[in-house]
Amino acid sequence: MSIDEIEAAANRRLFGVGGLSVPATVTLRGGAPIPTRIIIDRDATITDDFGIVLESRCEIGVLTEEVGRVDRGTLIDTGKPDDRWTLLEPIGDDGFEQRWTASRY
């Protein structure tokens, strides 16, 4: 098994039921909702070298093989009240998972 296959399998487990993910729909601009699972951190903090909090933000991870390429303005809805998000800026993409900052929709 190659390292890419190992990483893909680990990401599938992480996003699977019982992992760190929650069910959600991902709607690309102009597209239909895609039911999937996401990883959401509603209170991620960015700190400086001294531990001073510079920013508190929401970060969302989506599994590329389930939703394809997402972009700015993609809507994320967990189905819970006041838990709809729009993607703002990409912060990571390893080819398997795309991570974005998000704001409430």
PDB file of N, CA and C in Angstrom:
ATOM      1  N   MET A   1       0.852  -1.168   0.000  1.00  0.00           N
ATOM      2  CA  MET A   1       0.000   0.000   0.000  1.00  0.00           C
ATOM      3  C   MET A   1       0.903   1.239   0.000  1.00  0.00           C
ATOM      4  N   SER A   2       0.625   2.202  -0.894  1.00  0.00           N
ATOM      5  CA  SER A   2       1.437   3.421  -0.983  1.00  0.00           C
ATOM      6  C   SER A   2       1.076   4.384   0.146  1.00  0.00           C
ATOM      7  N   ILE A   3       1.930   5.373   0.361  1.00  0.00           N
ATOM      8  CA  ILE A   3       1.674   6.359   1.407  1.00  0.00           C
ATOM      9  C   ILE A   3       0.402   7.156   1.095  1.00  0.00           C
ATOM     10  N   ASP A   4       0.132   7.432  -0.185  1.00  0.00           N
ATOM     11  CA  ASP A   4      -1.100   8.142  -0.557  1.00  0.00           C
ATOM     12  C   ASP A   4      -2.335   7.316  -0.211  1.00  0.00           C
ATOM     13  N   GLU A   5      -2.272   6.006  -0.432  1.00  0.00           N
ATOM     14  CA  GLU A   5      -3.405   5.139  -0.096  1.00  0.00           C
ATOM     15  C   GLU A   5      -3.606   5.062   1.417  1.00  0.00           C
ATOM     16  N   ILE A   6      -2.522   5.047   2.167  1.00  0.00           N
ATOM     17  CA  ILE A   6      -2.608   5.027   3.633  1.00  0.00           C
ATOM     18  C   ILE A   6      -3.226   6.326   4.131  1.00  0.00           C
ATOM     19  N   GLU A   7      -2.783   7.468   3.580  1.00  0.00           N
ATOM     20  CA  GLU A   7      -3.332   8.755   3.998  1.00  0.00           C
ATOM     21  C   GLU A   7      -4.811   8.877   3.625  1.00  0.00           C
ATOM     22  N   ALA A   8      -5.182   8.409   2.444  1.00  0.00           N
ATOM     23  CA  ALA A   8      -6.592   8.458   2.028  1.00  0.00           C
ATOM     24  C   ALA A   8      -7.453   7.615   2.963  1.00  0.00           C
ATOM     25  N   ALA A   9      -6.983   6.428   3.331  1.00  0.00           N
ATOM     26  CA  ALA A   9      -7.742   5.567   4.240  1.00  0.00           C
ATOM     27  C   ALA A   9      -7.871   6.207   5.622  1.00  0.00           C
ATOM     28  N   ALA A  10      -6.803   6.842   6.095  1.00  0.00           N
ATOM     29  CA  ALA A  10      -6.853   7.514   7.400  1.00  0.00           C
ATOM     30  C   ALA A  10      -7.846   8.671   7.368  1.00  0.00           C
ATOM     31  N   ASN A  11      -7.860   9.432   6.287  1.00  0.00           N
ATOM     32  CA  ASN A  11      -8.818  10.537   6.168  1.00  0.00           C
ATOM     33  C   ASN A  11     -10.247  10.019   6.133  1.00  0.00           C
ATOM     34  N   ARG A  12     -10.490   8.919   5.437  1.00  0.00           N
ATOM     35  CA  ARG A  12     -11.845   8.347   5.394  1.00  0.00           C
ATOM     36  C   ARG A  12     -12.303   7.937   6.792  1.00  0.00           C
ATOM     37  N   ARG A  13     -11.400   7.348   7.586  1.00  0.00           N
ATOM     38  CA  ARG A  13     -11.744   6.975   8.961  1.00  0.00           C
ATOM     39  C   ARG A  13     -12.008   8.218   9.812  1.00  0.00           C
ATOM     40  N   LEU A  14     -11.191   9.242   9.644  1.00  0.00           N
ATOM     41  CA  LEU A  14     -11.357  10.478  10.399  1.00  0.00           C
ATOM     42  C   LEU A  14     -12.703  11.134  10.093  1.00  0.00           C
ATOM     43  N   PHE A  15     -13.114  11.097   8.838  1.00  0.00           N
ATOM     44  CA  PHE A  15     -14.374  11.700   8.431  1.00  0.00           C
ATOM     45  C   PHE A  15     -15.565  10.764   8.608  1.00  0.00           C
ATOM     46  N   GLY A  16     -15.324   9.493   8.905  1.00  0.00           N
ATOM     47  CA  GLY A  16     -16.406   8.525   9.031  1.00  0.00           C
ATOM     48  C   GLY A  16     -17.214   8.679  10.300  1.00  0.00           C
ATOM     49  N   VAL A  17     -18.338   7.957  10.325  1.00  0.00           N
ATOM     50  CA  VAL A  17     -19.181   7.954  11.522  1.00  0.00           C
ATOM     51  C   VAL A  17     -18.342   7.448  12.686  1.00  0.00           C
ATOM     52  N   GLY A  18     -18.427   8.140  13.818  1.00  0.00           N
ATOM     53  CA  GLY A  18     -17.623   7.780  14.973  1.00  0.00           C
ATOM     54  C   GLY A  18     -16.286   8.485  14.997  1.00  0.00           C
ATOM     55  N   GLY A  19     -15.954   9.171  13.906  1.00  0.00           N
ATOM     56  CA  GLY A  19     -14.717   9.952  13.868  1.00  0.00           C
ATOM     57  C   GLY A  19     -14.976  11.346  14.422  1.00  0.00           C
ATOM     58  N   LEU A  20     -14.247  12.293  13.920  1.00  0.00           N
ATOM     59  CA  LEU A  20     -14.373  13.675  14.391  1.00  0.00           C
ATOM     60  C   LEU A  20     -15.396  14.483  13.600  1.00  0.00           C
ATOM     61  N   SER A  21     -16.050  13.867  12.646  1.00  0.00           N
ATOM     62  CA  SER A  21     -16.894  14.616  11.717  1.00  0.00           C
ATOM     63  C   SER A  21     -18.355  14.692  12.161  1.00  0.00           C
ATOM     64  N   VAL A  22     -19.075  15.619  11.528  1.00  0.00           N
ATOM     65  CA  VAL A  22     -20.515  15.781  11.739  1.00  0.00           C
ATOM     66  C   VAL A  22     -21.189  15.777  10.366  1.00  0.00           C
ATOM     67  N   PRO A  23     -22.447  15.302  10.301  1.00  0.00           N
ATOM     68  CA  PRO A  23     -23.141  15.326   9.011  1.00  0.00           C
ATOM     69  C   PRO A  23     -23.443  16.765   8.592  1.00  0.00           C
ATOM     70  N   ALA A  24     -23.382  17.014   7.287  1.00  0.00           N
ATOM     71  CA  ALA A  24     -23.652  18.350   6.753  1.00  0.00           C
ATOM     72  C   ALA A  24     -23.970  18.238   5.276  1.00  0.00           C
ATOM     73  N   THR A  25     -24.477  19.325   4.726  1.00  0.00           N
ATOM     74  CA  THR A  25     -24.598  19.436   3.276  1.00  0.00           C
ATOM     75  C   THR A  25     -23.646  20.526   2.817  1.00  0.00           C
ATOM     76  N   VAL A  26     -23.003  20.274   1.686  1.00  0.00           N
ATOM     77  CA  VAL A  26     -22.087  21.226   1.066  1.00  0.00           C
ATOM     78  C   VAL A  26     -22.721  21.643  -0.258  1.00  0.00           C
ATOM     79  N   THR A  27     -22.907  22.952  -0.438  1.00  0.00           N
ATOM     80  CA  THR A  27     -23.529  23.455  -1.660  1.00  0.00           C
ATOM     81  C   THR A  27     -22.574  24.423  -2.336  1.00  0.00           C
ATOM     82  N   LEU A  28     -22.027  23.980  -3.463  1.00  0.00           N
ATOM     83  CA  LEU A  28     -21.177  24.855  -4.260  1.00  0.00           C
ATOM     84  C   LEU A  28     -22.041  25.933  -4.887  1.00  0.00           C
ATOM     85  N   ARG A  29     -21.464  27.095  -5.169  1.00  0.00           N
ATOM     86  CA  ARG A  29     -22.245  28.170  -5.781  1.00  0.00           C
ATOM     87  C   ARG A  29     -22.898  27.671  -7.070  1.00  0.00           C
ATOM     88  N   GLY A  30     -24.231  27.795  -7.120  1.00  0.00           N
ATOM     89  CA  GLY A  30     -24.968  27.373  -8.303  1.00  0.00           C
ATOM     90  C   GLY A  30     -25.180  25.873  -8.413  1.00  0.00           C
ATOM     91  N   GLY A  31     -24.807  25.110  -7.380  1.00  0.00           N
ATOM     92  CA  GLY A  31     -24.923  23.661  -7.438  1.00  0.00           C
ATOM     93  C   GLY A  31     -25.980  23.123  -6.496  1.00  0.00           C
ATOM     94  N   ALA A  32     -26.166  21.828  -6.563  1.00  0.00           N
ATOM     95  CA  ALA A  32     -27.118  21.144  -5.679  1.00  0.00           C
ATOM     96  C   ALA A  32     -26.406  20.754  -4.380  1.00  0.00           C
ATOM     97  N   PRO A  33     -27.147  20.673  -3.272  1.00  0.00           N
ATOM     98  CA  PRO A  33     -26.538  20.252  -2.008  1.00  0.00           C
ATOM     99  C   PRO A  33     -25.984  18.827  -2.086  1.00  0.00           C
ATOM    100  N   ILE A  34     -24.812  18.630  -1.495  1.00  0.00           N
ATOM    101  CA  ILE A  34     -24.158  17.322  -1.456  1.00  0.00           C
ATOM    102  C   ILE A  34     -24.127  16.867  -0.003  1.00  0.00           C
ATOM    103  N   PRO A  35     -24.856  15.790   0.341  1.00  0.00           N
ATOM    104  CA  PRO A  35     -24.778  15.288   1.718  1.00  0.00           C
ATOM    105  C   PRO A  35     -23.411  14.643   1.962  1.00  0.00           C
ATOM    106  N   THR A  36     -22.794  14.988   3.062  1.00  0.00           N
ATOM    107  CA  THR A  36     -21.457  14.481   3.369  1.00  0.00           C
ATOM    108  C   THR A  36     -21.208  14.637   4.867  1.00  0.00           C
ATOM    109  N   ARG A  37     -19.966  14.510   5.270  1.00  0.00           N
ATOM    110  CA  ARG A  37     -19.556  14.754   6.646  1.00  0.00           C
ATOM    111  C   ARG A  37     -18.406  15.746   6.594  1.00  0.00           C
ATOM    112  N   ILE A  38     -18.350  16.646   7.573  1.00  0.00           N
ATOM    113  CA  ILE A  38     -17.311  17.664   7.645  1.00  0.00           C
ATOM    114  C   ILE A  38     -16.660  17.630   9.020  1.00  0.00           C
ATOM    115  N   ILE A  39     -15.498  18.233   9.120  1.00  0.00           N
ATOM    116  CA  ILE A  39     -14.881  18.482  10.413  1.00  0.00           C
ATOM    117  C   ILE A  39     -14.953  19.986  10.629  1.00  0.00           C
ATOM    118  N   ILE A  40     -15.558  20.389  11.732  1.00  0.00           N
ATOM    119  CA  ILE A  40     -15.749  21.807  12.010  1.00  0.00           C
ATOM    120  C   ILE A  40     -15.196  22.153  13.385  1.00  0.00           C
ATOM    121  N   ASP A  41     -14.405  23.200  13.421  1.00  0.00           N
ATOM    122  CA  ASP A  41     -13.885  23.745  14.678  1.00  0.00           C
ATOM    123  C   ASP A  41     -14.397  25.178  14.751  1.00  0.00           C
ATOM    124  N   ARG A  42     -15.445  25.366  15.536  1.00  0.00           N
ATOM    125  CA  ARG A  42     -16.110  26.675  15.602  1.00  0.00           C
ATOM    126  C   ARG A  42     -15.314  27.702  16.408  1.00  0.00           C
ATOM    127  N   ASP A  43     -14.281  27.287  17.101  1.00  0.00           N
ATOM    128  CA  ASP A  43     -13.533  28.192  17.961  1.00  0.00           C
ATOM    129  C   ASP A  43     -12.028  27.937  17.851  1.00  0.00           C
ATOM    130  N   ALA A  44     -11.520  27.898  16.634  1.00  0.00           N
ATOM    131  CA  ALA A  44     -10.079  27.734  16.432  1.00  0.00           C
ATOM    132  C   ALA A  44      -9.385  29.047  16.788  1.00  0.00           C
ATOM    133  N   THR A  45      -8.262  28.963  17.458  1.00  0.00           N
ATOM    134  CA  THR A  45      -7.544  30.180  17.822  1.00  0.00           C
ATOM    135  C   THR A  45      -6.175  30.207  17.162  1.00  0.00           C
ATOM    136  N   ILE A  46      -5.781  31.384  16.752  1.00  0.00           N
ATOM    137  CA  ILE A  46      -4.460  31.625  16.185  1.00  0.00           C
ATOM    138  C   ILE A  46      -3.691  32.438  17.220  1.00  0.00           C
ATOM    139  N   THR A  47      -2.508  31.953  17.594  1.00  0.00           N
ATOM    140  CA  THR A  47      -1.720  32.628  18.625  1.00  0.00           C
ATOM    141  C   THR A  47      -0.357  33.036  18.068  1.00  0.00           C
ATOM    142  N   ASP A  48       0.259  34.005  18.731  1.00  0.00           N
ATOM    143  CA  ASP A  48       1.620  34.383  18.361  1.00  0.00           C
ATOM    144  C   ASP A  48       2.608  33.496  19.120  1.00  0.00           C
ATOM    145  N   ASP A  49       3.883  33.801  18.995  1.00  0.00           N
ATOM    146  CA  ASP A  49       4.925  32.985  19.635  1.00  0.00           C
ATOM    147  C   ASP A  49       4.866  33.003  21.156  1.00  0.00           C
ATOM    148  N   PHE A  50       4.149  33.977  21.722  1.00  0.00           N
ATOM    149  CA  PHE A  50       4.059  34.100  23.170  1.00  0.00           C
ATOM    150  C   PHE A  50       2.734  33.580  23.724  1.00  0.00           C
ATOM    151  N   GLY A  51       1.897  32.988  22.854  1.00  0.00           N
ATOM    152  CA  GLY A  51       0.632  32.436  23.295  1.00  0.00           C
ATOM    153  C   GLY A  51      -0.502  33.446  23.340  1.00  0.00           C
ATOM    154  N   ILE A  52      -0.265  34.648  22.857  1.00  0.00           N
ATOM    155  CA  ILE A  52      -1.303  35.671  22.809  1.00  0.00           C
ATOM    156  C   ILE A  52      -2.250  35.346  21.655  1.00  0.00           C
ATOM    157  N   VAL A  53      -3.547  35.301  21.953  1.00  0.00           N
ATOM    158  CA  VAL A  53      -4.532  34.992  20.913  1.00  0.00           C
ATOM    159  C   VAL A  53      -4.665  36.181  19.983  1.00  0.00           C
ATOM    160  N   LEU A  54      -4.391  35.949  18.706  1.00  0.00           N
ATOM    161  CA  LEU A  54      -4.496  36.990  17.689  1.00  0.00           C
ATOM    162  C   LEU A  54      -5.841  36.953  16.984  1.00  0.00           C
ATOM    163  N   GLU A  55      -6.398  35.747  16.889  1.00  0.00           N
ATOM    164  CA  GLU A  55      -7.639  35.585  16.133  1.00  0.00           C
ATOM    165  C   GLU A  55      -8.372  34.350  16.621  1.00  0.00           C
ATOM    166  N   SER A  56      -9.685  34.433  16.644  1.00  0.00           N
ATOM    167  CA  SER A  56     -10.540  33.285  16.904  1.00  0.00           C
ATOM    168  C   SER A  56     -11.450  33.149  15.698  1.00  0.00           C
ATOM    169  N   ARG A  57     -11.528  31.959  15.130  1.00  0.00           N
ATOM    170  CA  ARG A  57     -12.275  31.791  13.886  1.00  0.00           C
ATOM    171  C   ARG A  57     -12.840  30.389  13.767  1.00  0.00           C
ATOM    172  N   CYS A  58     -13.719  30.212  12.802  1.00  0.00           N
ATOM    173  CA  CYS A  58     -14.261  28.894  12.476  1.00  0.00           C
ATOM    174  C   CYS A  58     -13.433  28.303  11.334  1.00  0.00           C
ATOM    175  N   GLU A  59     -13.069  27.030  11.476  1.00  0.00           N
ATOM    176  CA  GLU A  59     -12.366  26.302  10.419  1.00  0.00           C
ATOM    177  C   GLU A  59     -13.161  25.056  10.066  1.00  0.00           C
ATOM    178  N   ILE A  60     -13.285  24.795   8.759  1.00  0.00           N
ATOM    179  CA  ILE A  60     -14.058  23.650   8.268  1.00  0.00           C
ATOM    180  C   ILE A  60     -13.192  22.831   7.325  1.00  0.00           C
ATOM    181  N   GLY A  61     -13.227  21.507   7.515  1.00  0.00           N
ATOM    182  CA  GLY A  61     -12.539  20.585   6.624  1.00  0.00           C
ATOM    183  C   GLY A  61     -13.539  19.741   5.863  1.00  0.00           C
ATOM    184  N   VAL A  62     -13.321  19.604   4.554  1.00  0.00           N
ATOM    185  CA  VAL A  62     -14.182  18.757   3.716  1.00  0.00           C
ATOM    186  C   VAL A  62     -13.312  17.734   2.995  1.00  0.00           C
ATOM    187  N   LEU A  63     -13.870  16.570   2.772  1.00  0.00           N
ATOM    188  CA  LEU A  63     -13.164  15.488   2.098  1.00  0.00           C
ATOM    189  C   LEU A  63     -13.318  15.654   0.588  1.00  0.00           C
ATOM    190  N   THR A  64     -12.218  15.881  -0.109  1.00  0.00           N
ATOM    191  CA  THR A  64     -12.238  16.199  -1.534  1.00  0.00           C
ATOM    192  C   THR A  64     -12.927  15.113  -2.362  1.00  0.00           C
ATOM    193  N   GLU A  65     -12.688  13.841  -2.055  1.00  0.00           N
ATOM    194  CA  GLU A  65     -13.263  12.769  -2.868  1.00  0.00           C
ATOM    195  C   GLU A  65     -14.786  12.708  -2.766  1.00  0.00           C
ATOM    196  N   GLU A  66     -15.364  13.333  -1.736  1.00  0.00           N
ATOM    197  CA  GLU A  66     -16.826  13.324  -1.590  1.00  0.00           C
ATOM    198  C   GLU A  66     -17.504  14.541  -2.204  1.00  0.00           C
ATOM    199  N   VAL A  67     -16.842  15.702  -2.147  1.00  0.00           N
ATOM    200  CA  VAL A  67     -17.500  16.937  -2.606  1.00  0.00           C
ATOM    201  C   VAL A  67     -16.806  17.587  -3.796  1.00  0.00           C
ATOM    202  N   GLY A  68     -15.642  17.111  -4.189  1.00  0.00           N
ATOM    203  CA  GLY A  68     -14.895  17.756  -5.263  1.00  0.00           C
ATOM    204  C   GLY A  68     -14.201  19.004  -4.744  1.00  0.00           C
ATOM    205  N   ARG A  69     -13.833  19.886  -5.666  1.00  0.00           N
ATOM    206  CA  ARG A  69     -13.156  21.124  -5.294  1.00  0.00           C
ATOM    207  C   ARG A  69     -14.174  22.147  -4.827  1.00  0.00           C
ATOM    208  N   VAL A  70     -13.972  22.705  -3.648  1.00  0.00           N
ATOM    209  CA  VAL A  70     -14.837  23.771  -3.142  1.00  0.00           C
ATOM    210  C   VAL A  70     -14.135  25.105  -3.370  1.00  0.00           C
ATOM    211  N   ASP A  71     -14.898  26.193  -3.284  1.00  0.00           N
ATOM    212  CA  ASP A  71     -14.291  27.504  -3.445  1.00  0.00           C
ATOM    213  C   ASP A  71     -14.969  28.512  -2.532  1.00  0.00           C
ATOM    214  N   ARG A  72     -14.459  29.730  -2.549  1.00  0.00           N
ATOM    215  CA  ARG A  72     -15.012  30.796  -1.719  1.00  0.00           C
ATOM    216  C   ARG A  72     -16.497  30.953  -2.031  1.00  0.00           C
ATOM    217  N   GLY A  73     -17.317  31.057  -0.977  1.00  0.00           N
ATOM    218  CA  GLY A  73     -18.755  31.202  -1.151  1.00  0.00           C
ATOM    219  C   GLY A  73     -19.525  29.895  -1.055  1.00  0.00           C
ATOM    220  N   THR A  74     -18.834  28.754  -1.003  1.00  0.00           N
ATOM    221  CA  THR A  74     -19.510  27.473  -0.819  1.00  0.00           C
ATOM    222  C   THR A  74     -20.247  27.490   0.518  1.00  0.00           C
ATOM    223  N   LEU A  75     -21.491  26.989   0.531  1.00  0.00           N
ATOM    224  CA  LEU A  75     -22.299  26.971   1.747  1.00  0.00           C
ATOM    225  C   LEU A  75     -22.188  25.620   2.445  1.00  0.00           C
ATOM    226  N   ILE A  76     -22.076  25.658   3.759  1.00  0.00           N
ATOM    227  CA  ILE A  76     -22.025  24.465   4.597  1.00  0.00           C
ATOM    228  C   ILE A  76     -23.193  24.564   5.584  1.00  0.00           C
ATOM    229  N   ASP A  77     -23.995  23.511   5.669  1.00  0.00           N
ATOM    230  CA  ASP A  77     -25.152  23.511   6.578  1.00  0.00           C
ATOM    231  C   ASP A  77     -25.168  22.205   7.350  1.00  0.00           C
ATOM    232  N   THR A  78     -25.066  22.300   8.692  1.00  0.00           N
ATOM    233  CA  THR A  78     -25.086  21.092   9.516  1.00  0.00           C
ATOM    234  C   THR A  78     -26.509  20.671   9.870  1.00  0.00           C
ATOM    235  N   GLY A  79     -27.503  21.495   9.509  1.00  0.00           N
ATOM    236  CA  GLY A  79     -28.890  21.176   9.810  1.00  0.00           C
ATOM    237  C   GLY A  79     -29.324  21.608  11.200  1.00  0.00           C
ATOM    238  N   LYS A  80     -28.406  22.165  11.969  1.00  0.00           N
ATOM    239  CA  LYS A  80     -28.741  22.660  13.307  1.00  0.00           C
ATOM    240  C   LYS A  80     -29.072  24.147  13.203  1.00  0.00           C
ATOM    241  N   PRO A  81     -29.900  24.655  14.121  1.00  0.00           N
ATOM    242  CA  PRO A  81     -30.231  26.078  14.087  1.00  0.00           C
ATOM    243  C   PRO A  81     -28.970  26.948  14.196  1.00  0.00           C
ATOM    244  N   ASP A  82     -28.916  27.983  13.397  1.00  0.00           N
ATOM    245  CA  ASP A  82     -27.809  28.949  13.412  1.00  0.00           C
ATOM    246  C   ASP A  82     -26.455  28.263  13.212  1.00  0.00           C
ATOM    247  N   ASP A  83     -26.401  27.258  12.358  1.00  0.00           N
ATOM    248  CA  ASP A  83     -25.148  26.548  12.093  1.00  0.00           C
ATOM    249  C   ASP A  83     -24.950  26.385  10.587  1.00  0.00           C
ATOM    250  N   ARG A  84     -25.099  27.500   9.867  1.00  0.00           N
ATOM    251  CA  ARG A  84     -24.826  27.552   8.430  1.00  0.00           C
ATOM    252  C   ARG A  84     -23.614  28.435   8.216  1.00  0.00           C
ATOM    253  N   TRP A  85     -22.743  28.025   7.332  1.00  0.00           N
ATOM    254  CA  TRP A  85     -21.458  28.688   7.149  1.00  0.00           C
ATOM    255  C   TRP A  85     -21.177  28.921   5.667  1.00  0.00           C
ATOM    256  N   THR A  86     -20.387  29.936   5.383  1.00  0.00           N
ATOM    257  CA  THR A  86     -19.893  30.160   4.034  1.00  0.00           C
ATOM    258  C   THR A  86     -18.363  30.142   4.090  1.00  0.00           C
ATOM    259  N   LEU A  87     -17.745  29.476   3.124  1.00  0.00           N
ATOM    260  CA  LEU A  87     -16.290  29.371   3.119  1.00  0.00           C
ATOM    261  C   LEU A  87     -15.674  30.688   2.656  1.00  0.00           C
ATOM    262  N   LEU A  88     -14.584  31.083   3.340  1.00  0.00           N
ATOM    263  CA  LEU A  88     -13.936  32.363   3.057  1.00  0.00           C
ATOM    264  C   LEU A  88     -12.560  32.221   2.409  1.00  0.00           C
ATOM    265  N   GLU A  89     -11.615  31.641   3.143  1.00  0.00           N
ATOM    266  CA  GLU A  89     -10.230  31.558   2.681  1.00  0.00           C
ATOM    267  C   GLU A  89      -9.682  30.147   2.879  1.00  0.00           C
ATOM    268  N   PRO A  90      -8.971  29.629   1.870  1.00  0.00           N
ATOM    269  CA  PRO A  90      -8.355  28.307   2.045  1.00  0.00           C
ATOM    270  C   PRO A  90      -7.167  28.402   3.000  1.00  0.00           C
ATOM    271  N   ILE A  91      -7.043  27.392   3.871  1.00  0.00           N
ATOM    272  CA  ILE A  91      -5.903  27.369   4.791  1.00  0.00           C
ATOM    273  C   ILE A  91      -5.104  26.072   4.678  1.00  0.00           C
ATOM    274  N   GLY A  92      -5.597  25.112   3.909  1.00  0.00           N
ATOM    275  CA  GLY A  92      -4.859  23.873   3.721  1.00  0.00           C
ATOM    276  C   GLY A  92      -5.539  22.967   2.705  1.00  0.00           C
ATOM    277  N   ASP A  93      -4.716  22.248   1.952  1.00  0.00           N
ATOM    278  CA  ASP A  93      -5.233  21.294   0.968  1.00  0.00           C
ATOM    279  C   ASP A  93      -4.134  20.279   0.690  1.00  0.00           C
ATOM    280  N   ASP A  94      -4.321  19.072   1.204  1.00  0.00           N
ATOM    281  CA  ASP A  94      -3.321  18.030   0.978  1.00  0.00           C
ATOM    282  C   ASP A  94      -3.731  17.071  -0.142  1.00  0.00           C
ATOM    283  N   GLY A  95      -4.780  17.450  -0.883  1.00  0.00           N
ATOM    284  CA  GLY A  95      -5.272  16.592  -1.953  1.00  0.00           C
ATOM    285  C   GLY A  95      -6.378  15.659  -1.488  1.00  0.00           C
ATOM    286  N   PHE A  96      -6.478  15.448  -0.188  1.00  0.00           N
ATOM    287  CA  PHE A  96      -7.513  14.597   0.372  1.00  0.00           C
ATOM    288  C   PHE A  96      -8.555  15.426   1.121  1.00  0.00           C
ATOM    289  N   GLU A  97      -8.062  16.358   1.952  1.00  0.00           N
ATOM    290  CA  GLU A  97      -8.935  17.221   2.738  1.00  0.00           C
ATOM    291  C   GLU A  97      -8.623  18.672   2.394  1.00  0.00           C
ATOM    292  N   GLN A  98      -9.688  19.468   2.224  1.00  0.00           N
ATOM    293  CA  GLN A  98      -9.530  20.903   2.044  1.00  0.00           C
ATOM    294  C   GLN A  98      -9.998  21.582   3.325  1.00  0.00           C
ATOM    295  N   ARG A  99      -9.171  22.488   3.877  1.00  0.00           N
ATOM    296  CA  ARG A  99      -9.531  23.224   5.088  1.00  0.00           C
ATOM    297  C   ARG A  99      -9.689  24.695   4.736  1.00  0.00           C
ATOM    298  N   TRP A 100     -10.763  25.287   5.290  1.00  0.00           N
ATOM    299  CA  TRP A 100     -11.094  26.683   4.997  1.00  0.00           C
ATOM    300  C   TRP A 100     -11.481  27.411   6.261  1.00  0.00           C
ATOM    301  N   THR A 101     -11.291  28.727   6.260  1.00  0.00           N
ATOM    302  CA  THR A 101     -11.923  29.548   7.279  1.00  0.00           C
ATOM    303  C   THR A 101     -13.357  29.770   6.817  1.00  0.00           C
ATOM    304  N   ALA A 102     -14.244  30.036   7.765  1.00  0.00           N
ATOM    305  CA  ALA A 102     -15.658  30.192   7.413  1.00  0.00           C
ATOM    306  C   ALA A 102     -16.294  31.237   8.321  1.00  0.00           C
ATOM    307  N   SER A 103     -17.376  31.822   7.825  1.00  0.00           N
ATOM    308  CA  SER A 103     -18.155  32.755   8.649  1.00  0.00           C
ATOM    309  C   SER A 103     -19.613  32.313   8.600  1.00  0.00           C
ATOM    310  N   ARG A 104     -20.357  32.726   9.601  1.00  0.00           N
ATOM    311  CA  ARG A 104     -21.791  32.375   9.638  1.00  0.00           C
ATOM    312  C   ARG A 104     -22.488  32.943   8.412  1.00  0.00           C
ATOM    313  N   TYR A 105     -23.425  32.174   7.901  1.00  0.00           N
ATOM    314  CA  TYR A 105     -24.181  32.589   6.718  1.00  0.00           C
ATOM    315  C   TYR A 105     -25.435  33.302   7.151  1.00  0.00           C
TER     316      TYR A 105
END
